[in-house]
Amino acid sequence: MKKLVEVIARNLVEHPDEVVVTETEKEDCIVVELKVNPSDMGKVIGRQGRIAKAIRTVVKAASAKSPKKVIVDIM
């Protein structure tokens, strides 16, 4: 999931070299944290959170067969 979020985010932002994605596995879920340049936050979140919601939807669909829930946090 880390690679998927990284590819999506790098294609959205103006500073792709500053995209940092970390994946933390817990007992019942996997947390994917996305950090971008502060000037790119609007592009990753989108109007009324539409882009962020779309990223979460794609990750949820990609992890459908996984037994653990995947959570995407945008920092």
C-alpha atoms as a PDB file:
ATOM      1  CA  MET A   1       0.000   0.000   0.000  1.00  0.00           C
ATOM      2  CA  LYS A   2       2.942   2.293   0.680  1.00  0.00           C
ATOM      3  CA  LYS A   3       4.054   2.234  -2.946  1.00  0.00           C
ATOM      4  CA  LEU A   4       0.517   2.873  -4.226  1.00  0.00           C
ATOM      5  CA  VAL A   5       0.040   5.969  -2.055  1.00  0.00           C
ATOM      6  CA  GLU A   6       3.508   7.207  -2.986  1.00  0.00           C
ATOM      7  CA  VAL A   7       2.852   6.920  -6.732  1.00  0.00           C
ATOM      8  CA  ILE A   8      -0.495   8.708  -6.469  1.00  0.00           C
ATOM      9  CA  ALA A   9       0.913  11.525  -4.309  1.00  0.00           C
ATOM     10  CA  ARG A  10       4.016  12.076  -6.451  1.00  0.00           C
ATOM     11  CA  ASN A  11       1.835  12.603  -9.515  1.00  0.00           C
ATOM     12  CA  LEU A  12      -0.325  15.190  -7.750  1.00  0.00           C
ATOM     13  CA  VAL A  13       2.253  17.525  -6.190  1.00  0.00           C
ATOM     14  CA  GLU A  14       4.732  20.109  -7.516  1.00  0.00           C
ATOM     15  CA  HIS A  15       7.540  18.847  -5.245  1.00  0.00           C
ATOM     16  CA  PRO A  16       7.526  15.050  -5.756  1.00  0.00           C
ATOM     17  CA  ASP A  17      10.938  14.653  -4.114  1.00  0.00           C
ATOM     18  CA  GLU A  18       9.459  15.829  -0.782  1.00  0.00           C
ATOM     19  CA  VAL A  19       6.759  13.143  -0.640  1.00  0.00           C
ATOM     20  CA  VAL A  20       7.340  10.816   2.323  1.00  0.00           C
ATOM     21  CA  VAL A  21       5.176   7.756   2.902  1.00  0.00           C
ATOM     22  CA  THR A  22       5.557   5.571   5.983  1.00  0.00           C
ATOM     23  CA  GLU A  23       3.703   2.366   6.739  1.00  0.00           C
ATOM     24  CA  THR A  24       3.125   1.174  10.299  1.00  0.00           C
ATOM     25  CA  GLU A  25       1.560  -2.189  11.036  1.00  0.00           C
ATOM     26  CA  LYS A  26      -0.523  -2.576  14.181  1.00  0.00           C
ATOM     27  CA  GLU A  27      -2.501  -5.520  15.536  1.00  0.00           C
ATOM     28  CA  ASP A  28      -5.725  -4.904  13.630  1.00  0.00           C
ATOM     29  CA  CYS A  29      -4.777  -2.326  10.974  1.00  0.00           C
ATOM     30  CA  ILE A  30      -2.072  -0.863   8.775  1.00  0.00           C
ATOM     31  CA  VAL A  31      -1.527   2.901   9.009  1.00  0.00           C
ATOM     32  CA  VAL A  32      -0.088   4.651   5.953  1.00  0.00           C
ATOM     33  CA  GLU A  33       1.106   8.194   6.701  1.00  0.00           C
ATOM     34  CA  LEU A  34       1.587  10.651   3.840  1.00  0.00           C
ATOM     35  CA  LYS A  35       3.701  13.768   4.309  1.00  0.00           C
ATOM     36  CA  VAL A  36       4.125  16.399   1.599  1.00  0.00           C
ATOM     37  CA  ASN A  37       5.483  19.921   1.267  1.00  0.00           C
ATOM     38  CA  PRO A  38       3.134  22.388   3.024  1.00  0.00           C
ATOM     39  CA  SER A  39       2.535  24.210  -0.270  1.00  0.00           C
ATOM     40  CA  ASP A  40       1.250  20.945  -1.813  1.00  0.00           C
ATOM     41  CA  MET A  41      -1.251  20.117   0.940  1.00  0.00           C
ATOM     42  CA  GLY A  42      -4.133  21.672  -0.970  1.00  0.00           C
ATOM     43  CA  LYS A  43      -3.437  19.511  -4.005  1.00  0.00           C
ATOM     44  CA  VAL A  44      -3.357  16.319  -1.964  1.00  0.00           C
ATOM     45  CA  ILE A  45      -6.494  17.146   0.029  1.00  0.00           C
ATOM     46  CA  GLY A  46      -8.496  18.793  -2.765  1.00  0.00           C
ATOM     47  CA  ARG A  47     -11.662  20.826  -2.544  1.00  0.00           C
ATOM     48  CA  GLN A  48     -13.769  19.641   0.362  1.00  0.00           C
ATOM     49  CA  GLY A  49     -11.400  16.672   0.751  1.00  0.00           C
ATOM     50  CA  ARG A  50     -12.335  15.033  -2.541  1.00  0.00           C
ATOM     51  CA  ILE A  51      -8.794  14.040  -3.556  1.00  0.00           C
ATOM     52  CA  ALA A  52      -8.012  12.680  -0.078  1.00  0.00           C
ATOM     53  CA  LYS A  53     -11.243  10.689  -0.135  1.00  0.00           C
ATOM     54  CA  ALA A  54     -10.392   9.328  -3.591  1.00  0.00           C
ATOM     55  CA  ILE A  55      -6.930   8.229  -2.408  1.00  0.00           C
ATOM     56  CA  ARG A  56      -8.496   6.452   0.569  1.00  0.00           C
ATOM     57  CA  THR A  57     -11.061   4.777  -1.715  1.00  0.00           C
ATOM     58  CA  VAL A  58      -8.369   3.467  -4.078  1.00  0.00           C
ATOM     59  CA  VAL A  59      -6.307   2.125  -1.164  1.00  0.00           C
ATOM     60  CA  LYS A  60      -9.385   0.497   0.355  1.00  0.00           C
ATOM     61  CA  ALA A  61     -10.178  -1.214  -2.950  1.00  0.00           C
ATOM     62  CA  ALA A  62      -6.578  -2.384  -3.342  1.00  0.00           C
ATOM     63  CA  SER A  63      -6.568  -3.849   0.169  1.00  0.00           C
ATOM     64  CA  ALA A  64      -9.957  -5.554  -0.084  1.00  0.00           C
ATOM     65  CA  LYS A  65      -8.485  -9.050   0.148  1.00  0.00           C
ATOM     66  CA  SER A  66      -6.210  -8.152   3.049  1.00  0.00           C
ATOM     67  CA  PRO A  67      -7.448  -9.248   6.484  1.00  0.00           C
ATOM     68  CA  LYS A  68      -6.292  -5.950   8.032  1.00  0.00           C
ATOM     69  CA  LYS A  69      -7.917  -2.555   7.617  1.00  0.00           C
ATOM     70  CA  VAL A  70      -5.757   0.105   5.919  1.00  0.00           C
ATOM     71  CA  ILE A  71      -5.929   3.697   7.188  1.00  0.00           C
ATOM     72  CA  VAL A  72      -4.430   6.607   5.203  1.00  0.00           C
ATOM     73  CA  ASP A  73      -3.379   9.636   7.269  1.00  0.00           C
ATOM     74  CA  ILE A  74      -2.319  12.840   5.544  1.00  0.00           C
ATOM     75  CA  MET A  75       0.087  14.837   7.697  1.00  0.00           C
END
